[in-house]
Amino acid sequence: MRVVVKKEGKAFERVCPYKDVRVANCLHCPPDDAPCTNSEGVFECVRGVLCADGGTPDDTSLCPYGALLWNGTSLYKCDLCVDHGYPRCYLEGVADLVLEERDVKEVGELVGWIVHGRSDLNVEVLPVLPWEARLLHRVLELYERTKGEFSPEEILDELSVELDVPEFTRRRVLWLLEVTLSPLGPLNLIGGGDIEEIVVAGLREPVLVYVRGKGWLRTNLMIWTEECFLNLVNRAGESLGRRLTLRNPRLNAVLPDGSRIHAVIPPVSNVHSLTVRRFSEKPLTPSHLLDLGTATPEQLALIWYAVETEKNVLIAGNTGSGKTTSLNAILGFVPLTERIIIVEEVPEIRLPHEHVVRMIPRADISMKDLIRDTLRMRPDRVVVGEIRRDEEAEAFIETVLAGQGRGSYATIHGRSVREVKSRLLSMGIREIDLDSIDLVVVQRRWGEAGRVVRKVVEVGTFVGEVYEALGVEREELEERARFLVENKLYDLAEFARRYGSWRSGS
């Protein structure tokens, strides 16, 4: 491990207790292998860290890296400012801490994961040092051996007394334990509201993230061992009673925060793969669709009118086009006091409404069963996450034809109104029943990397010209479009208040 100076002169001298640039550019060897330990002036000041004080001038030749220096009375070297745990020059930003290849390997194998170097998107945490990794590994080893008889914190406290571990190291290792043992482990260190996907694509490879507006980026985080990979996946699936094993090499699960995970290991795949799909905790609004350029004011005005006049709406698009995102946003046009029943395989829709019931299918209860259950639940609105199979399409049409509530909504794969119609007909839906779906919104995704575009490309119906089918005048839609542009609001209660004032003319 090396400390490499970035800023010399007064910036370095201000923070370095030795005032000597040379001491920061030294390599820290494991005590068992270091030739300098033949000097009486070199000692292990903290577990795994060698410091210098005393000795003779000739002892400087013991270090093959030139790290030992003589100040006229004793040896000295960069001792990582052990009262802090990390070099002051590193913490002050005047030097970098560089782990050598052997350190990276040791930390990775002991901890199971590592944050190392710089990349497109960086996890900004202090690097795990080899002696911290050794202590962490010892705690985890004893925790496993005692089969939970003692908590990791209790084991750490006992070892800290036994090994005379400094308090700053104990606190650091305690934090590392919390990270390592949490669901998804170190992947939780990757933050950012614009991150939609987190992907592990092989052990000892940089974790990838998909950032809205930027595309795929590499991080400086790596999952190092198979044991760490399996543990973090299985902790995530624990609440569902699912485990990833050689006999069961695939796992799908939903975390309490709504994130969706999919994991697969060899021999089903060529690498250990984990995909975490994140969903925004904040409800999306129609104004977000305007900001993102997904829909024009005129298109949103048409959808708004359809929702307000209790029409049934279908959102279509190709894979990754943002169908569910748009559905979530346009539900902001539904009054906050209405009762909404949501049926979806993955809990992606986030609504601030007062009365929302969410139903998720299980192995013995299908989407079709739950969609039909909504007929007995007196909903104001019914929302189906996605129609994929014939029986789901049939069940959704049943709810629409029943005329319950004030409108039903769903998403479906399709790149045009015409294609959606053909798809529904191929699922066994009668053409006459398609008339019950009042509006079809089609959006497309194209581009790659940071140039992905998601836009509404068609708003139409199965039964002819959209304005005539909905019974709306163009002038009214123009007024609504102006209102949306002039009132970009992200609080739906405020949107409802202003809309009420607008409609009443006050």
Protein backbone atom coordinates (compact mmCIF):
# COMPACT_ATOMS: atom_id res chain seq x y z
CA MET A 1 0.00 0.00 0.00
CA ARG A 2 1.37 3.41 -0.98
CA VAL A 3 0.56 6.99 -0.11
CA VAL A 4 1.21 9.08 -3.22
CA VAL A 5 1.54 12.84 -2.83
CA LYS A 6 -0.73 14.99 -5.03
CA LYS A 7 0.16 18.42 -3.65
CA GLU A 8 3.65 19.29 -2.46
CA GLY A 9 4.93 22.38 -0.68
CA LYS A 10 2.94 24.12 2.04
CA ALA A 11 -0.22 22.07 1.37
CA PHE A 12 1.63 18.87 2.27
CA GLU A 13 3.73 20.32 5.08
CA ARG A 14 0.58 21.69 6.74
CA VAL A 15 -0.80 18.20 7.39
CA CYS A 16 2.23 15.89 7.51
CA PRO A 17 3.77 15.51 10.99
CA TYR A 18 7.15 14.74 9.35
CA LYS A 19 7.09 17.65 6.85
CA ASP A 20 8.81 15.29 4.43
CA VAL A 21 7.31 14.38 1.05
CA ARG A 22 9.44 11.24 0.83
CA VAL A 23 7.74 9.52 3.76
CA ALA A 24 4.37 9.58 2.03
CA ASN A 25 5.65 7.74 -1.04
CA CYS A 26 6.47 4.51 0.73
CA LEU A 27 5.13 0.99 0.53
CA HIS A 28 3.63 -0.61 3.63
CA CYS A 29 4.54 -4.28 3.85
CA PRO A 30 2.78 -6.95 5.90
CA PRO A 31 4.79 -7.23 9.16
CA ASP A 32 5.52 -10.93 8.68
CA ASP A 33 7.26 -10.29 5.36
CA ALA A 34 8.96 -6.95 5.96
CA PRO A 35 12.82 -7.08 6.09
CA CYS A 36 12.89 -3.86 8.12
CA THR A 37 11.63 -5.75 11.18
CA ASN A 38 15.25 -6.81 11.69
CA SER A 39 15.77 -3.29 13.08
CA GLU A 40 15.04 -2.63 16.75
CA GLY A 41 13.56 0.70 15.65
CA VAL A 42 10.74 -0.86 13.62
CA PHE A 43 7.68 -2.21 15.42
CA GLU A 44 4.02 -3.11 14.80
CA CYS A 45 2.26 -0.04 16.18
CA VAL A 46 -1.21 -1.16 15.05
CA ARG A 47 -2.10 -4.67 13.96
CA GLY A 48 -0.70 -4.96 10.45
CA VAL A 49 1.05 -1.55 10.45
CA LEU A 50 4.77 -1.00 10.95
CA CYS A 51 6.02 2.22 12.54
CA ALA A 52 9.57 3.44 13.15
CA ASP A 53 11.26 5.12 16.11
CA GLY A 54 14.85 4.53 17.25
CA GLY A 55 17.23 2.17 15.44
CA THR A 56 20.40 3.20 13.60
CA PRO A 57 21.18 5.12 10.36
CA ASP A 58 22.33 1.85 8.75
CA ASP A 59 18.85 0.40 9.20
CA THR A 60 17.55 2.61 6.38
CA SER A 61 19.13 0.12 3.96
CA LEU A 62 16.80 -2.64 5.21
CA CYS A 63 13.86 -1.24 3.24
CA PRO A 64 14.03 -2.11 -0.48
CA TYR A 65 11.56 0.73 -1.18
CA GLY A 66 13.50 3.51 0.55
CA ALA A 67 10.67 4.03 3.03
CA LEU A 68 12.90 4.15 6.12
CA LEU A 69 14.48 7.57 6.74
CA TRP A 70 16.84 8.97 9.39
CA ASN A 71 16.21 12.31 11.07
CA GLY A 72 19.51 12.52 12.95
CA THR A 73 18.31 10.82 16.11
CA SER A 74 15.99 7.97 15.01
CA LEU A 75 14.32 6.19 12.12
CA TYR A 76 11.03 7.47 10.82
CA LYS A 77 8.54 6.61 8.08
CA CYS A 78 4.92 7.31 7.16
CA ASP A 79 3.04 5.36 9.82
CA LEU A 80 -0.41 6.16 8.39
CA CYS A 81 -0.93 8.60 11.25
CA VAL A 82 -2.17 5.70 13.34
CA ASP A 83 -4.06 7.89 15.79
CA HIS A 84 -6.47 8.52 12.91
CA GLY A 85 -6.28 5.20 11.08
CA TYR A 86 -5.64 6.87 7.73
CA PRO A 87 -2.90 9.30 6.67
CA ARG A 88 -3.70 12.92 7.47
CA CYS A 89 -2.38 13.84 4.03
CA TYR A 90 -4.94 11.48 2.45
CA LEU A 91 -7.85 12.70 4.55
CA GLU A 92 -6.91 16.31 3.73
CA GLY A 93 -6.84 15.59 0.00
CA VAL A 94 -3.14 16.28 -0.59
CA ALA A 95 -2.27 12.62 -1.21
CA ASP A 96 -3.85 9.45 -2.61
CA LEU A 97 -3.93 6.09 -0.90
CA VAL A 98 -3.01 3.42 -3.44
CA LEU A 99 -3.53 -0.25 -2.66
CA GLU A 100 -1.00 -2.51 -4.32
CA GLU A 101 -2.20 -5.53 -6.26
CA ARG A 102 -1.44 -7.83 -3.34
CA ASP A 103 -3.43 -5.58 -0.98
CA VAL A 104 -6.41 -5.51 -3.35
CA LYS A 105 -6.36 -9.30 -3.56
CA GLU A 106 -6.05 -9.73 0.21
CA VAL A 107 -8.87 -7.27 1.02
CA GLY A 108 -11.10 -8.72 -1.69
CA GLU A 109 -10.65 -12.30 -0.53
CA LEU A 110 -11.08 -11.48 3.16
CA VAL A 111 -14.02 -9.07 2.90
CA GLY A 112 -15.65 -10.47 -0.26
CA TRP A 113 -15.91 -7.04 -1.91
CA ILE A 114 -13.70 -4.03 -2.45
CA VAL A 115 -13.89 -0.36 -3.41
CA HIS A 116 -10.73 0.42 -5.35
CA GLY A 117 -9.44 3.17 -7.61
CA ARG A 118 -11.49 5.64 -9.62
CA SER A 119 -14.03 5.02 -12.36
CA ASP A 120 -16.98 6.59 -14.21
CA LEU A 121 -19.08 6.65 -11.02
CA ASN A 122 -17.28 6.35 -7.70
CA VAL A 123 -18.43 4.99 -4.36
CA GLU A 124 -16.93 7.62 -2.08
CA VAL A 125 -15.86 5.64 0.97
CA LEU A 126 -12.52 5.24 2.67
CA PRO A 127 -10.74 2.20 1.18
CA VAL A 128 -10.75 -0.92 3.32
CA LEU A 129 -7.22 -1.40 4.67
CA PRO A 130 -5.63 -4.86 4.96
CA TRP A 131 -5.60 -4.89 8.77
CA GLU A 132 -9.28 -3.84 8.85
CA ALA A 133 -10.04 -6.67 6.42
CA ARG A 134 -8.25 -9.21 8.62
CA LEU A 135 -10.23 -8.19 11.68
CA LEU A 136 -13.52 -8.16 9.76
CA HIS A 137 -12.82 -11.61 8.35
CA ARG A 138 -12.02 -12.95 11.82
CA VAL A 139 -15.33 -11.61 13.19
CA LEU A 140 -17.33 -13.15 10.32
CA GLU A 141 -15.47 -16.44 10.72
CA LEU A 142 -16.30 -16.63 14.43
CA TYR A 143 -19.90 -15.56 13.83
CA GLU A 144 -20.32 -18.41 11.35
CA ARG A 145 -18.57 -20.88 13.66
CA THR A 146 -20.74 -19.99 16.67
CA LYS A 147 -23.88 -20.20 14.51
CA GLY A 148 -25.32 -16.92 15.75
CA GLU A 149 -24.83 -17.57 19.46
CA PHE A 150 -23.15 -14.16 19.65
CA SER A 151 -23.86 -11.13 17.49
CA PRO A 152 -21.11 -9.83 15.16
CA GLU A 153 -20.87 -6.71 17.33
CA GLU A 154 -20.34 -8.79 20.48
CA ILE A 155 -17.61 -10.81 18.77
CA LEU A 156 -15.95 -7.60 17.51
CA ASP A 157 -15.97 -6.07 20.99
CA GLU A 158 -14.38 -9.20 22.47
CA LEU A 159 -11.66 -9.30 19.81
CA SER A 160 -11.03 -5.56 20.16
CA VAL A 161 -10.16 -6.05 23.83
CA GLU A 162 -8.11 -9.19 23.17
CA LEU A 163 -6.08 -7.64 20.33
CA ASP A 164 -5.94 -4.11 21.74
CA VAL A 165 -7.70 -2.71 18.67
CA PRO A 166 -7.85 1.11 18.55
CA GLU A 167 -11.32 2.62 18.85
CA PHE A 168 -11.21 4.16 15.37
CA THR A 169 -10.50 0.72 13.87
CA ARG A 170 -13.30 -0.89 15.91
CA ARG A 171 -15.79 1.72 14.66
CA ARG A 172 -14.67 1.24 11.07
CA VAL A 173 -14.96 -2.54 11.23
CA LEU A 174 -18.37 -2.26 12.89
CA TRP A 175 -19.53 -0.14 9.94
CA LEU A 176 -18.03 -2.64 7.50
CA LEU A 177 -19.95 -5.42 9.24
CA GLU A 178 -23.22 -3.53 8.85
CA VAL A 179 -22.53 -2.99 5.15
CA THR A 180 -21.43 -6.56 4.49
CA LEU A 181 -24.34 -8.20 6.33
CA SER A 182 -27.11 -5.97 4.96
CA PRO A 183 -29.43 -7.13 2.14
CA LEU A 184 -27.53 -6.48 -1.10
CA GLY A 185 -24.44 -5.76 1.00
CA PRO A 186 -22.04 -3.19 -0.49
CA LEU A 187 -24.38 -2.53 -3.44
CA ASN A 188 -26.29 -0.32 -1.01
CA LEU A 189 -23.28 2.04 -1.08
CA ILE A 190 -24.19 2.99 -4.64
CA GLY A 191 -26.45 6.02 -4.27
CA GLY A 192 -28.19 8.40 -6.62
CA GLY A 193 -31.81 9.03 -7.55
CA ASP A 194 -31.04 8.73 -11.27
CA ILE A 195 -29.71 5.17 -11.01
CA GLU A 196 -32.22 2.74 -12.52
CA GLU A 197 -30.19 -0.49 -12.64
CA ILE A 198 -27.25 -1.93 -10.68
CA VAL A 199 -25.56 -4.91 -12.34
CA VAL A 200 -22.94 -7.37 -11.16
CA ALA A 201 -21.57 -8.96 -14.35
CA GLY A 202 -18.93 -11.31 -12.99
CA LEU A 203 -16.75 -11.61 -9.90
CA ARG A 204 -13.80 -9.20 -9.58
CA GLU A 205 -15.33 -7.03 -12.29
CA PRO A 206 -16.53 -3.43 -11.78
CA VAL A 207 -20.20 -3.21 -10.82
CA LEU A 208 -22.15 -1.42 -13.57
CA VAL A 209 -24.98 1.08 -13.16
CA TYR A 210 -27.51 2.44 -15.60
CA VAL A 211 -27.97 6.16 -14.97
CA ARG A 212 -30.94 7.96 -16.42
CA GLY A 213 -29.71 10.30 -19.16
CA LYS A 214 -26.14 8.92 -19.15
CA GLY A 215 -26.47 5.22 -19.90
CA TRP A 216 -24.19 2.50 -18.55
CA LEU A 217 -21.32 3.53 -16.24
CA ARG A 218 -18.62 1.53 -14.46
CA THR A 219 -18.16 1.94 -10.71
CA ASN A 220 -15.11 1.39 -8.51
CA LEU A 221 -16.93 -1.33 -6.53
CA MET A 222 -16.29 -5.04 -7.16
CA ILE A 223 -17.86 -8.15 -5.70
CA TRP A 224 -14.79 -10.31 -5.20
CA THR A 225 -15.82 -13.76 -3.97
CA GLU A 226 -18.57 -16.22 -4.81
CA GLU A 227 -19.37 -16.51 -1.10
CA CYS A 228 -20.04 -12.77 -0.85
CA PHE A 229 -22.16 -12.84 -4.02
CA LEU A 230 -24.31 -15.75 -2.79
CA ASN A 231 -24.69 -14.27 0.68
CA LEU A 232 -25.92 -10.87 -0.48
CA VAL A 233 -28.36 -12.43 -2.98
CA ASN A 234 -29.70 -14.93 -0.43
CA ARG A 235 -30.14 -12.24 2.23
CA ALA A 236 -32.23 -10.30 -0.29
CA GLY A 237 -34.39 -13.35 -1.04
CA GLU A 238 -34.59 -14.54 2.58
CA SER A 239 -37.98 -12.98 3.31
CA LEU A 240 -39.46 -14.94 0.40
CA GLY A 241 -37.86 -18.20 1.47
CA ARG A 242 -35.77 -18.39 -1.71
CA ARG A 243 -32.08 -19.26 -2.04
CA LEU A 244 -29.57 -19.27 -4.84
CA THR A 245 -27.72 -22.60 -4.97
CA LEU A 246 -26.12 -24.91 -7.52
CA ARG A 247 -29.39 -26.88 -7.55
CA ASN A 248 -31.41 -23.68 -7.89
CA PRO A 249 -29.14 -21.33 -9.89
CA ARG A 250 -31.80 -18.67 -10.61
CA LEU A 251 -33.56 -16.28 -8.24
CA ASN A 252 -36.15 -13.53 -8.67
CA ALA A 253 -37.22 -11.45 -5.69
CA VAL A 254 -38.64 -8.09 -4.66
CA LEU A 255 -37.09 -6.17 -1.78
CA PRO A 256 -39.19 -4.31 0.82
CA ASP A 257 -38.37 -0.98 -0.87
CA GLY A 258 -39.82 -2.28 -4.14
CA SER A 259 -36.50 -2.92 -5.87
CA ARG A 260 -36.56 -6.00 -8.09
CA ILE A 261 -33.62 -8.40 -8.27
CA HIS A 262 -32.69 -11.20 -10.63
CA ALA A 263 -29.65 -13.41 -10.05
CA VAL A 264 -28.13 -16.31 -11.92
CA ILE A 265 -24.93 -18.32 -11.46
CA PRO A 266 -22.98 -20.90 -13.48
CA PRO A 267 -23.64 -23.34 -15.02
CA VAL A 268 -26.82 -21.57 -16.17
CA SER A 269 -24.76 -18.48 -17.03
CA ASN A 270 -21.11 -17.93 -17.88
CA VAL A 271 -20.64 -15.49 -14.96
CA HIS A 272 -22.18 -14.65 -11.61
CA SER A 273 -24.84 -12.14 -12.61
CA LEU A 274 -27.11 -9.94 -10.50
CA THR A 275 -29.44 -7.22 -11.72
CA VAL A 276 -31.11 -4.83 -9.29
CA ARG A 277 -33.91 -2.69 -10.72
CA ARG A 278 -34.51 0.39 -8.62
CA PHE A 279 -37.70 2.43 -8.53
CA SER A 280 -38.10 6.01 -7.45
CA GLU A 281 -39.64 6.46 -4.01
CA LYS A 282 -41.17 9.78 -5.04
CA PRO A 283 -44.40 9.56 -7.05
CA LEU A 284 -44.00 10.69 -10.63
CA THR A 285 -46.32 13.36 -11.99
CA PRO A 286 -47.43 14.48 -15.45
CA SER A 287 -45.03 17.41 -15.10
CA HIS A 288 -42.15 14.93 -14.92
CA LEU A 289 -43.18 13.56 -18.34
CA LEU A 290 -43.00 17.08 -19.74
CA ASP A 291 -39.59 17.67 -18.18
CA LEU A 292 -38.24 14.40 -19.58
CA GLY A 293 -39.62 15.13 -23.03
CA THR A 294 -41.60 11.89 -22.93
CA ALA A 295 -44.87 13.56 -23.89
CA THR A 296 -45.92 16.89 -25.35
CA PRO A 297 -48.42 19.19 -23.58
CA GLU A 298 -50.99 18.33 -26.26
CA GLN A 299 -50.58 14.57 -25.74
CA LEU A 300 -50.83 14.94 -21.97
CA ALA A 301 -53.91 17.12 -22.33
CA LEU A 302 -55.61 14.34 -24.30
CA ILE A 303 -54.66 11.71 -21.70
CA TRP A 304 -55.77 14.03 -18.90
CA TYR A 305 -59.18 14.45 -20.51
CA ALA A 306 -59.52 10.67 -20.89
CA VAL A 307 -58.68 10.06 -17.21
CA GLU A 308 -60.98 12.83 -16.01
CA THR A 309 -63.91 11.60 -18.10
CA GLU A 310 -63.45 8.05 -16.77
CA LYS A 311 -62.15 6.42 -19.94
CA ASN A 312 -60.21 3.14 -20.07
CA VAL A 313 -56.60 3.66 -21.10
CA LEU A 314 -53.95 1.24 -22.38
CA ILE A 315 -50.25 2.18 -22.39
CA ALA A 316 -48.20 0.32 -25.02
CA GLY A 317 -44.56 0.31 -26.04
CA ASN A 318 -41.49 -1.75 -26.76
CA THR A 319 -39.19 -3.13 -24.04
CA GLY A 320 -37.64 -0.41 -21.90
CA SER A 321 -39.80 2.34 -23.38
CA GLY A 322 -41.04 3.47 -19.96
CA LYS A 323 -44.62 2.20 -20.14
CA THR A 324 -44.93 1.75 -16.39
CA THR A 325 -43.23 5.08 -15.71
CA SER A 326 -45.77 6.87 -17.89
CA LEU A 327 -48.69 4.95 -16.40
CA ASN A 328 -47.49 5.93 -12.92
CA ALA A 329 -47.29 9.58 -13.95
CA ILE A 330 -50.68 9.88 -15.66
CA LEU A 331 -52.37 8.35 -12.61
CA GLY A 332 -51.53 11.73 -11.07
CA PHE A 333 -54.60 12.97 -12.92
CA VAL A 334 -56.79 10.71 -10.74
CA PRO A 335 -58.21 12.57 -7.72
CA LEU A 336 -56.25 11.79 -4.56
CA THR A 337 -59.35 10.64 -2.65
CA GLU A 338 -60.30 7.83 -5.07
CA ARG A 339 -59.85 4.12 -4.27
CA ILE A 340 -57.29 2.52 -6.59
CA ILE A 341 -56.68 -1.24 -6.89
CA ILE A 342 -53.28 -2.15 -8.40
CA VAL A 343 -52.48 -5.63 -9.69
CA GLU A 344 -48.86 -6.12 -10.76
CA GLU A 345 -46.21 -8.82 -10.60
CA VAL A 346 -43.56 -6.35 -9.46
CA PRO A 347 -44.51 -3.36 -7.25
CA GLU A 348 -43.33 -0.58 -9.54
CA ILE A 349 -46.19 1.92 -9.30
CA ARG A 350 -45.86 4.57 -6.58
CA LEU A 351 -48.97 6.60 -5.78
CA PRO A 352 -49.62 9.22 -3.09
CA HIS A 353 -53.36 8.56 -3.08
CA GLU A 354 -55.16 8.03 0.20
CA HIS A 355 -56.69 4.65 -0.62
CA VAL A 356 -54.46 2.28 -2.61
CA VAL A 357 -54.69 -1.52 -2.46
CA ARG A 358 -51.81 -3.38 -4.12
CA MET A 359 -52.10 -7.08 -5.04
CA ILE A 360 -49.15 -9.21 -6.16
CA PRO A 361 -49.56 -12.75 -7.59
CA ARG A 362 -47.89 -15.78 -6.03
CA ALA A 363 -47.13 -19.25 -7.33
CA ASP A 364 -50.64 -20.44 -6.46
CA ILE A 365 -52.50 -17.18 -7.21
CA SER A 366 -52.28 -15.84 -10.76
CA MET A 367 -52.56 -12.33 -12.19
CA LYS A 368 -55.81 -13.46 -13.81
CA ASP A 369 -57.25 -14.45 -10.43
CA LEU A 370 -56.32 -11.12 -8.85
CA ILE A 371 -57.64 -9.05 -11.77
CA ARG A 372 -60.97 -10.84 -11.48
CA ASP A 373 -60.94 -10.25 -7.71
CA THR A 374 -61.06 -6.50 -8.37
CA LEU A 375 -64.66 -6.96 -9.56
CA ARG A 376 -65.63 -7.58 -5.92
CA MET A 377 -63.55 -4.80 -4.36
CA ARG A 378 -65.56 -1.72 -5.37
CA PRO A 379 -62.65 0.21 -6.90
CA ASP A 380 -62.78 3.67 -8.38
CA ARG A 381 -59.89 2.76 -10.67
CA VAL A 382 -58.24 -0.56 -11.58
CA VAL A 383 -54.58 -0.62 -12.62
CA VAL A 384 -52.86 -3.66 -14.14
CA GLY A 385 -49.08 -3.49 -14.27
CA GLU A 386 -48.69 -5.41 -17.52
CA ILE A 387 -50.75 -7.73 -19.69
CA ARG A 388 -48.50 -10.56 -20.90
CA ARG A 389 -50.68 -13.63 -21.28
CA ASP A 390 -54.02 -14.52 -22.86
CA GLU A 391 -55.76 -15.11 -19.54
CA GLU A 392 -54.58 -11.71 -18.22
CA ALA A 393 -55.93 -9.94 -21.29
CA GLU A 394 -59.23 -11.79 -20.89
CA ALA A 395 -59.48 -10.88 -17.20
CA PHE A 396 -58.66 -7.22 -17.87
CA ILE A 397 -61.32 -6.96 -20.59
CA GLU A 398 -63.79 -8.49 -18.13
CA THR A 399 -63.17 -5.66 -15.66
CA VAL A 400 -63.48 -3.09 -18.45
CA LEU A 401 -66.73 -4.56 -19.78
CA ALA A 402 -68.12 -4.75 -16.24
CA GLY A 403 -68.05 -0.96 -16.26
CA GLN A 404 -66.92 -0.86 -12.67
CA GLY A 405 -65.47 2.27 -11.20
CA ARG A 406 -64.25 5.22 -13.18
CA GLY A 407 -61.74 3.62 -15.50
CA SER A 408 -59.24 0.83 -15.88
CA TYR A 409 -55.60 1.08 -16.96
CA ALA A 410 -52.92 -1.38 -18.07
CA THR A 411 -49.66 -1.67 -20.02
CA ILE A 412 -48.96 -4.05 -22.90
CA HIS A 413 -46.14 -4.68 -25.37
CA GLY A 414 -46.77 -3.08 -28.74
CA ARG A 415 -45.20 -0.51 -31.08
CA SER A 416 -48.37 0.98 -32.58
CA VAL A 417 -52.12 1.06 -32.03
CA ARG A 418 -52.49 -1.34 -34.92
CA GLU A 419 -49.96 -3.79 -33.45
CA VAL A 420 -51.63 -3.64 -30.02
CA LYS A 421 -54.98 -4.44 -31.63
CA SER A 422 -53.51 -7.45 -33.46
CA ARG A 423 -51.85 -8.63 -30.27
CA LEU A 424 -55.09 -8.50 -28.27
CA LEU A 425 -56.99 -10.29 -31.03
CA SER A 426 -54.33 -13.01 -31.05
CA MET A 427 -54.89 -13.36 -27.28
CA GLY A 428 -58.51 -14.30 -27.93
CA ILE A 429 -60.15 -10.91 -27.31
CA ARG A 430 -63.17 -10.29 -29.57
CA GLU A 431 -62.89 -7.24 -31.82
CA ILE A 432 -66.21 -5.87 -30.59
CA ASP A 433 -64.86 -5.93 -27.01
CA LEU A 434 -61.87 -3.80 -28.01
CA ASP A 435 -64.27 -0.87 -28.34
CA SER A 436 -64.35 -0.74 -24.54
CA ILE A 437 -60.73 0.47 -24.48
CA ASP A 438 -61.13 4.19 -25.10
CA LEU A 439 -57.54 5.35 -25.54
CA VAL A 440 -54.23 3.73 -26.51
CA VAL A 441 -50.99 5.57 -25.75
CA VAL A 442 -47.94 4.22 -27.57
CA GLN A 443 -44.40 5.15 -26.68
CA ARG A 444 -41.08 4.01 -28.07
CA ARG A 445 -37.52 3.65 -26.89
CA TRP A 446 -34.58 4.03 -29.24
CA GLY A 447 -30.89 4.91 -29.06
CA GLU A 448 -28.15 3.49 -26.86
CA ALA A 449 -25.73 4.43 -24.07
CA GLY A 450 -26.42 8.00 -22.95
CA ARG A 451 -28.60 8.85 -25.96
CA VAL A 452 -31.65 6.75 -25.07
CA VAL A 453 -34.89 8.49 -26.02
CA ARG A 454 -38.32 7.54 -24.68
CA LYS A 455 -41.25 9.35 -26.27
CA VAL A 456 -44.97 9.00 -26.80
CA VAL A 457 -45.29 8.48 -30.56
CA GLU A 458 -49.02 7.82 -30.92
CA VAL A 459 -52.21 8.55 -29.00
CA GLY A 460 -55.17 6.89 -30.67
CA THR A 461 -58.08 4.49 -30.44
CA PHE A 462 -59.22 1.21 -31.96
CA VAL A 463 -62.36 2.83 -33.39
CA GLY A 464 -61.27 5.80 -35.49
CA GLU A 465 -60.30 9.44 -35.00
CA VAL A 466 -59.34 10.11 -31.40
CA TYR A 467 -61.07 13.47 -30.85
CA GLU A 468 -64.37 12.19 -32.19
CA ALA A 469 -64.07 8.92 -30.24
CA LEU A 470 -63.49 10.75 -26.96
CA GLY A 471 -66.04 13.47 -27.72
CA VAL A 472 -63.69 16.37 -27.01
CA GLU A 473 -63.17 19.68 -28.78
CA ARG A 474 -59.65 20.70 -29.83
CA GLU A 475 -60.13 24.07 -28.13
CA GLU A 476 -60.60 22.43 -24.74
CA LEU A 477 -57.45 20.35 -25.22
CA GLU A 478 -55.51 23.47 -26.16
CA GLU A 479 -56.64 25.12 -22.91
CA ARG A 480 -55.55 22.07 -20.92
CA ALA A 481 -52.18 22.00 -22.68
CA ARG A 482 -51.61 25.67 -21.77
CA PHE A 483 -52.53 24.94 -18.16
CA LEU A 484 -49.99 22.09 -18.00
CA VAL A 485 -47.22 24.27 -19.39
CA GLU A 486 -48.02 27.20 -17.09
CA ASN A 487 -48.52 25.01 -14.00
CA LYS A 488 -45.64 22.55 -13.80
CA LEU A 489 -46.39 21.03 -10.42
CA TYR A 490 -44.84 18.05 -8.66
CA ASP A 491 -47.19 18.06 -5.67
CA LEU A 492 -50.44 16.46 -6.80
CA ALA A 493 -52.47 18.08 -4.03
CA GLU A 494 -51.36 21.50 -5.26
CA PHE A 495 -52.11 20.44 -8.84
CA ALA A 496 -55.66 19.48 -7.83
CA ARG A 497 -56.12 22.79 -5.99
CA ARG A 498 -54.98 24.91 -8.94
CA TYR A 499 -56.98 22.83 -11.40
CA GLY A 500 -60.10 23.34 -9.28
CA SER A 501 -59.53 27.10 -9.28
CA TRP A 502 -58.91 27.04 -13.04
CA ARG A 503 -62.11 25.13 -13.77
CA SER A 504 -64.18 27.40 -11.55
CA GLY A 505 -62.60 30.49 -13.10
CA SER A 506 -61.50 31.85 -9.70
